[in-house]
Amino acid sequence: MCRKHLLLVLMIAFNLAVYGQENEKNVSVSVPAGALDINVFGSPATPNKDLIHPNPSEGIFHLSTVAQGDDISVFDGTGRMVFNTTSEESNMKIDITHLERGVYLVIVRDENKKLKINQKVMIK
Protein backbone atom coordinates (compact mmCIF):
# COMPACT_ATOMS: atom_id res chain seq x y z
CA MET A 1 0.00 0.00 0.00
CA CYS A 2 1.54 3.34 -0.96
CA ARG A 3 2.01 6.07 1.65
CA LYS A 4 -0.72 8.31 0.22
CA HIS A 5 -3.28 5.54 0.39
CA LEU A 6 -2.15 4.53 3.88
CA LEU A 7 -2.49 8.12 5.09
CA LEU A 8 -5.95 8.36 3.54
CA VAL A 9 -7.03 5.08 5.17
CA LEU A 10 -5.76 6.24 8.56
CA MET A 11 -7.52 9.61 8.23
CA ILE A 12 -10.78 7.91 7.29
CA ALA A 13 -10.38 5.42 10.13
CA PHE A 14 -9.80 8.22 12.62
CA ASN A 15 -12.87 10.10 11.44
CA LEU A 16 -14.97 6.94 11.53
CA ALA A 17 -13.74 6.14 15.01
CA VAL A 18 -14.59 9.63 16.27
CA TYR A 19 -18.04 9.68 14.68
CA GLY A 20 -18.56 6.04 15.61
CA GLN A 21 -17.99 6.89 19.27
CA GLU A 22 -20.43 9.76 19.05
CA ASN A 23 -23.04 7.43 17.52
CA GLU A 24 -22.03 4.53 19.80
CA LYS A 25 -20.98 2.34 16.88
CA ASN A 26 -17.97 0.03 16.87
CA VAL A 27 -15.47 0.72 14.13
CA SER A 28 -12.44 -1.40 13.33
CA VAL A 29 -9.71 -0.75 10.81
CA SER A 30 -7.26 -3.28 9.41
CA VAL A 31 -3.79 -2.05 8.49
CA PRO A 32 -1.31 -4.38 6.75
CA ALA A 33 1.51 -5.68 8.94
CA GLY A 34 4.55 -3.44 8.79
CA ALA A 35 2.67 -0.58 7.13
CA LEU A 36 3.17 1.66 10.13
CA ASP A 37 6.84 0.71 10.54
CA ILE A 38 8.06 3.65 8.48
CA ASN A 39 9.67 6.92 9.45
CA VAL A 40 8.67 10.38 8.34
CA PHE A 41 10.63 9.98 5.12
CA GLY A 42 8.82 6.79 4.09
CA SER A 43 11.81 4.48 4.53
CA PRO A 44 11.91 1.48 6.86
CA ALA A 45 12.72 2.44 10.43
CA THR A 46 16.20 1.57 11.67
CA PRO A 47 15.87 -1.62 13.74
CA ASN A 48 19.18 -1.33 15.65
CA LYS A 49 19.24 1.34 18.38
CA ASP A 50 23.02 1.06 18.95
CA LEU A 51 24.02 2.84 15.74
CA ILE A 52 24.53 6.11 17.64
CA HIS A 53 26.50 5.92 20.85
CA PRO A 54 26.64 7.25 23.48
CA ASN A 55 23.09 8.50 23.42
CA PRO A 56 22.39 10.77 25.24
CA SER A 57 25.77 12.49 25.01
CA GLU A 58 27.48 15.78 25.76
CA GLY A 59 27.53 16.52 22.01
CA ILE A 60 30.17 14.07 20.83
CA PHE A 61 28.91 10.72 19.57
CA HIS A 62 29.95 7.92 17.25
CA LEU A 63 28.08 6.49 14.28
CA SER A 64 28.66 2.84 13.54
CA THR A 65 27.90 1.07 10.25
CA VAL A 66 28.62 4.13 8.13
CA ALA A 67 30.78 3.80 5.05
CA GLN A 68 33.19 6.18 3.44
CA GLY A 69 31.24 8.66 1.34
CA ASP A 70 27.98 8.45 3.35
CA ASP A 71 26.18 11.77 3.87
CA ILE A 72 25.62 12.59 7.56
CA SER A 73 23.10 15.31 8.46
CA VAL A 74 21.82 16.54 11.81
CA PHE A 75 18.51 18.44 12.06
CA ASP A 76 17.07 20.42 14.96
CA GLY A 77 13.47 20.29 16.15
CA THR A 78 12.34 22.81 13.53
CA GLY A 79 13.73 20.72 10.66
CA ARG A 80 16.69 23.03 10.05
CA MET A 81 19.95 21.29 9.09
CA VAL A 82 22.48 22.25 11.75
CA PHE A 83 25.34 19.93 10.76
CA ASN A 84 26.37 18.13 7.59
CA THR A 85 29.45 16.17 6.60
CA THR A 86 30.58 13.25 4.46
CA SER A 87 31.94 10.22 6.31
CA GLU A 88 35.60 9.45 5.93
CA GLU A 89 35.66 6.14 7.80
CA SER A 90 33.38 3.36 9.04
CA ASN A 91 33.09 4.59 12.64
CA MET A 92 32.58 8.35 12.45
CA LYS A 93 33.01 10.65 15.43
CA ILE A 94 30.53 13.53 15.28
CA ASP A 95 31.11 16.68 17.33
CA ILE A 96 28.07 18.93 17.73
CA THR A 97 29.06 20.42 21.09
CA HIS A 98 28.43 23.88 19.60
CA LEU A 99 24.68 23.13 19.58
CA GLU A 100 22.31 23.73 22.48
CA ARG A 101 21.01 20.92 24.66
CA GLY A 102 18.04 19.11 23.13
CA VAL A 103 16.95 16.36 20.77
CA TYR A 104 18.26 16.22 17.22
CA LEU A 105 17.55 13.96 14.26
CA VAL A 106 20.55 12.22 12.68
CA ILE A 107 20.11 11.04 9.10
CA VAL A 108 22.72 9.06 7.22
CA ARG A 109 22.35 8.31 3.51
CA ASP A 110 24.68 6.28 1.33
CA GLU A 111 26.16 7.51 -1.95
CA ASN A 112 22.94 6.47 -3.75
CA LYS A 113 20.88 8.57 -1.29
CA LYS A 114 19.39 5.44 0.30
CA LEU A 115 18.52 5.97 3.97
CA LYS A 116 20.81 4.05 6.34
CA ILE A 117 20.23 5.68 9.73
CA ASN A 118 17.32 7.80 10.93
CA GLN A 119 17.56 8.22 14.68
CA LYS A 120 17.25 10.81 17.40
CA VAL A 121 20.22 11.86 19.49
CA MET A 122 19.99 13.80 22.72
CA ILE A 123 22.51 16.38 23.84
CA LYS A 124 22.40 16.79 27.60
C-alpha atoms as a PDB file:
ATOM      1  CA  MET A   1       0.000   0.000   0.000  1.00  0.00           C
ATOM      2  CA  CYS A   2       1.542   3.335  -0.955  1.00  0.00           C
ATOM      3  CA  ARG A   3       2.009   6.073   1.651  1.00  0.00           C
ATOM      4  CA  LYS A   4      -0.721   8.312   0.218  1.00  0.00           C
ATOM      5  CA  HIS A   5      -3.284   5.540   0.393  1.00  0.00           C
ATOM      6  CA  LEU A   6      -2.149   4.535   3.878  1.00  0.00           C
ATOM      7  CA  LEU A   7      -2.493   8.117   5.089  1.00  0.00           C
ATOM      8  CA  LEU A   8      -5.954   8.364   3.538  1.00  0.00           C
ATOM      9  CA  VAL A   9      -7.034   5.082   5.166  1.00  0.00           C
ATOM     10  CA  LEU A  10      -5.758   6.244   8.558  1.00  0.00           C
ATOM     11  CA  MET A  11      -7.521   9.612   8.231  1.00  0.00           C
ATOM     12  CA  ILE A  12     -10.785   7.912   7.291  1.00  0.00           C
ATOM     13  CA  ALA A  13     -10.377   5.424  10.129  1.00  0.00           C
ATOM     14  CA  PHE A  14      -9.803   8.217  12.623  1.00  0.00           C
ATOM     15  CA  ASN A  15     -12.870  10.101  11.442  1.00  0.00           C
ATOM     16  CA  LEU A  16     -14.973   6.940  11.528  1.00  0.00           C
ATOM     17  CA  ALA A  17     -13.743   6.138  15.008  1.00  0.00           C
ATOM     18  CA  VAL A  18     -14.588   9.630  16.275  1.00  0.00           C
ATOM     19  CA  TYR A  19     -18.041   9.678  14.682  1.00  0.00           C
ATOM     20  CA  GLY A  20     -18.558   6.042  15.610  1.00  0.00           C
ATOM     21  CA  GLN A  21     -17.987   6.889  19.271  1.00  0.00           C
ATOM     22  CA  GLU A  22     -20.432   9.757  19.051  1.00  0.00           C
ATOM     23  CA  ASN A  23     -23.040   7.435  17.518  1.00  0.00           C
ATOM     24  CA  GLU A  24     -22.028   4.534  19.798  1.00  0.00           C
ATOM     25  CA  LYS A  25     -20.982   2.339  16.876  1.00  0.00           C
ATOM     26  CA  ASN A  26     -17.974   0.035  16.873  1.00  0.00           C
ATOM     27  CA  VAL A  27     -15.469   0.717  14.125  1.00  0.00           C
ATOM     28  CA  SER A  28     -12.437  -1.403  13.333  1.00  0.00           C
ATOM     29  CA  VAL A  29      -9.712  -0.754  10.812  1.00  0.00           C
ATOM     30  CA  SER A  30      -7.265  -3.281   9.406  1.00  0.00           C
ATOM     31  CA  VAL A  31      -3.792  -2.050   8.489  1.00  0.00           C
ATOM     32  CA  PRO A  32      -1.313  -4.382   6.748  1.00  0.00           C
ATOM     33  CA  ALA A  33       1.513  -5.683   8.941  1.00  0.00           C
ATOM     34  CA  GLY A  34       4.549  -3.438   8.791  1.00  0.00           C
ATOM     35  CA  ALA A  35       2.672  -0.581   7.126  1.00  0.00           C
ATOM     36  CA  LEU A  36       3.170   1.661  10.131  1.00  0.00           C
ATOM     37  CA  ASP A  37       6.838   0.714  10.541  1.00  0.00           C
ATOM     38  CA  ILE A  38       8.064   3.655   8.481  1.00  0.00           C
ATOM     39  CA  ASN A  39       9.669   6.916   9.455  1.00  0.00           C
ATOM     40  CA  VAL A  40       8.665  10.385   8.344  1.00  0.00           C
ATOM     41  CA  PHE A  41      10.625   9.983   5.118  1.00  0.00           C
ATOM     42  CA  GLY A  42       8.820   6.793   4.090  1.00  0.00           C
ATOM     43  CA  SER A  43      11.814   4.482   4.534  1.00  0.00           C
ATOM     44  CA  PRO A  44      11.911   1.485   6.860  1.00  0.00           C
ATOM     45  CA  ALA A  45      12.718   2.435  10.429  1.00  0.00           C
ATOM     46  CA  THR A  46      16.202   1.573  11.675  1.00  0.00           C
ATOM     47  CA  PRO A  47      15.869  -1.619  13.742  1.00  0.00           C
ATOM     48  CA  ASN A  48      19.182  -1.326  15.654  1.00  0.00           C
ATOM     49  CA  LYS A  49      19.236   1.337  18.380  1.00  0.00           C
ATOM     50  CA  ASP A  50      23.020   1.058  18.950  1.00  0.00           C
ATOM     51  CA  LEU A  51      24.017   2.843  15.738  1.00  0.00           C
ATOM     52  CA  ILE A  52      24.528   6.111  17.635  1.00  0.00           C
ATOM     53  CA  HIS A  53      26.504   5.922  20.849  1.00  0.00           C
ATOM     54  CA  PRO A  54      26.641   7.251  23.477  1.00  0.00           C
ATOM     55  CA  ASN A  55      23.091   8.503  23.425  1.00  0.00           C
ATOM     56  CA  PRO A  56      22.391  10.773  25.241  1.00  0.00           C
ATOM     57  CA  SER A  57      25.770  12.495  25.009  1.00  0.00           C
ATOM     58  CA  GLU A  58      27.482  15.783  25.758  1.00  0.00           C
ATOM     59  CA  GLY A  59      27.525  16.522  22.005  1.00  0.00           C
ATOM     60  CA  ILE A  60      30.173  14.066  20.828  1.00  0.00           C
ATOM     61  CA  PHE A  61      28.915  10.716  19.573  1.00  0.00           C
ATOM     62  CA  HIS A  62      29.951   7.923  17.247  1.00  0.00           C
ATOM     63  CA  LEU A  63      28.075   6.494  14.284  1.00  0.00           C
ATOM     64  CA  SER A  64      28.661   2.839  13.542  1.00  0.00           C
ATOM     65  CA  THR A  65      27.898   1.074  10.254  1.00  0.00           C
ATOM     66  CA  VAL A  66      28.617   4.126   8.134  1.00  0.00           C
ATOM     67  CA  ALA A  67      30.782   3.798   5.055  1.00  0.00           C
ATOM     68  CA  GLN A  68      33.194   6.177   3.444  1.00  0.00           C
ATOM     69  CA  GLY A  69      31.243   8.659   1.344  1.00  0.00           C
ATOM     70  CA  ASP A  70      27.981   8.451   3.347  1.00  0.00           C
ATOM     71  CA  ASP A  71      26.184  11.771   3.868  1.00  0.00           C
ATOM     72  CA  ILE A  72      25.615  12.592   7.560  1.00  0.00           C
ATOM     73  CA  SER A  73      23.103  15.306   8.463  1.00  0.00           C
ATOM     74  CA  VAL A  74      21.815  16.541  11.813  1.00  0.00           C
ATOM     75  CA  PHE A  75      18.515  18.439  12.061  1.00  0.00           C
ATOM     76  CA  ASP A  76      17.075  20.423  14.960  1.00  0.00           C
ATOM     77  CA  GLY A  77      13.465  20.285  16.151  1.00  0.00           C
ATOM     78  CA  THR A  78      12.336  22.807  13.531  1.00  0.00           C
ATOM     79  CA  GLY A  79      13.733  20.718  10.665  1.00  0.00           C
ATOM     80  CA  ARG A  80      16.688  23.032  10.047  1.00  0.00           C
ATOM     81  CA  MET A  81      19.949  21.293   9.086  1.00  0.00           C
ATOM     82  CA  VAL A  82      22.484  22.253  11.752  1.00  0.00           C
ATOM     83  CA  PHE A  83      25.341  19.935  10.759  1.00  0.00           C
ATOM     84  CA  ASN A  84      26.368  18.127   7.590  1.00  0.00           C
ATOM     85  CA  THR A  85      29.448  16.166   6.597  1.00  0.00           C
ATOM     86  CA  THR A  86      30.585  13.253   4.462  1.00  0.00           C
ATOM     87  CA  SER A  87      31.940  10.218   6.308  1.00  0.00           C
ATOM     88  CA  GLU A  88      35.604   9.450   5.934  1.00  0.00           C
ATOM     89  CA  GLU A  89      35.658   6.139   7.800  1.00  0.00           C
ATOM     90  CA  SER A  90      33.379   3.358   9.039  1.00  0.00           C
ATOM     91  CA  ASN A  91      33.093   4.594  12.635  1.00  0.00           C
ATOM     92  CA  MET A  92      32.580   8.354  12.450  1.00  0.00           C
ATOM     93  CA  LYS A  93      33.008  10.652  15.432  1.00  0.00           C
ATOM     94  CA  ILE A  94      30.534  13.526  15.277  1.00  0.00           C
ATOM     95  CA  ASP A  95      31.110  16.677  17.334  1.00  0.00           C
ATOM     96  CA  ILE A  96      28.073  18.929  17.730  1.00  0.00           C
ATOM     97  CA  THR A  97      29.060  20.423  21.088  1.00  0.00           C
ATOM     98  CA  HIS A  98      28.426  23.878  19.596  1.00  0.00           C
ATOM     99  CA  LEU A  99      24.683  23.134  19.577  1.00  0.00           C
ATOM    100  CA  GLU A 100      22.312  23.729  22.483  1.00  0.00           C
ATOM    101  CA  ARG A 101      21.007  20.916  24.656  1.00  0.00           C
ATOM    102  CA  GLY A 102      18.038  19.112  23.134  1.00  0.00           C
ATOM    103  CA  VAL A 103      16.946  16.362  20.774  1.00  0.00           C
ATOM    104  CA  TYR A 104      18.256  16.221  17.216  1.00  0.00           C
ATOM    105  CA  LEU A 105      17.552  13.956  14.260  1.00  0.00           C
ATOM    106  CA  VAL A 106      20.546  12.225  12.677  1.00  0.00           C
ATOM    107  CA  ILE A 107      20.108  11.040   9.101  1.00  0.00           C
ATOM    108  CA  VAL A 108      22.724   9.057   7.219  1.00  0.00           C
ATOM    109  CA  ARG A 109      22.349   8.307   3.512  1.00  0.00           C
ATOM    110  CA  ASP A 110      24.677   6.280   1.327  1.00  0.00           C
ATOM    111  CA  GLU A 111      26.158   7.509  -1.949  1.00  0.00           C
ATOM    112  CA  ASN A 112      22.944   6.465  -3.753  1.00  0.00           C
ATOM    113  CA  LYS A 113      20.877   8.570  -1.290  1.00  0.00           C
ATOM    114  CA  LYS A 114      19.388   5.437   0.304  1.00  0.00           C
ATOM    115  CA  LEU A 115      18.516   5.966   3.969  1.00  0.00           C
ATOM    116  CA  LYS A 116      20.814   4.049   6.337  1.00  0.00           C
ATOM    117  CA  ILE A 117      20.229   5.683   9.730  1.00  0.00           C
ATOM    118  CA  ASN A 118      17.325   7.801  10.930  1.00  0.00           C
ATOM    119  CA  GLN A 119      17.565   8.219  14.682  1.00  0.00           C
ATOM    120  CA  LYS A 120      17.250  10.812  17.396  1.00  0.00           C
ATOM    121  CA  VAL A 121      20.218  11.861  19.489  1.00  0.00           C
ATOM    122  CA  MET A 122      19.990  13.801  22.721  1.00  0.00           C
ATOM    123  CA  ILE A 123      22.514  16.385  23.839  1.00  0.00           C
ATOM    124  CA  LYS A 124      22.395  16.786  27.598  1.00  0.00           C
END
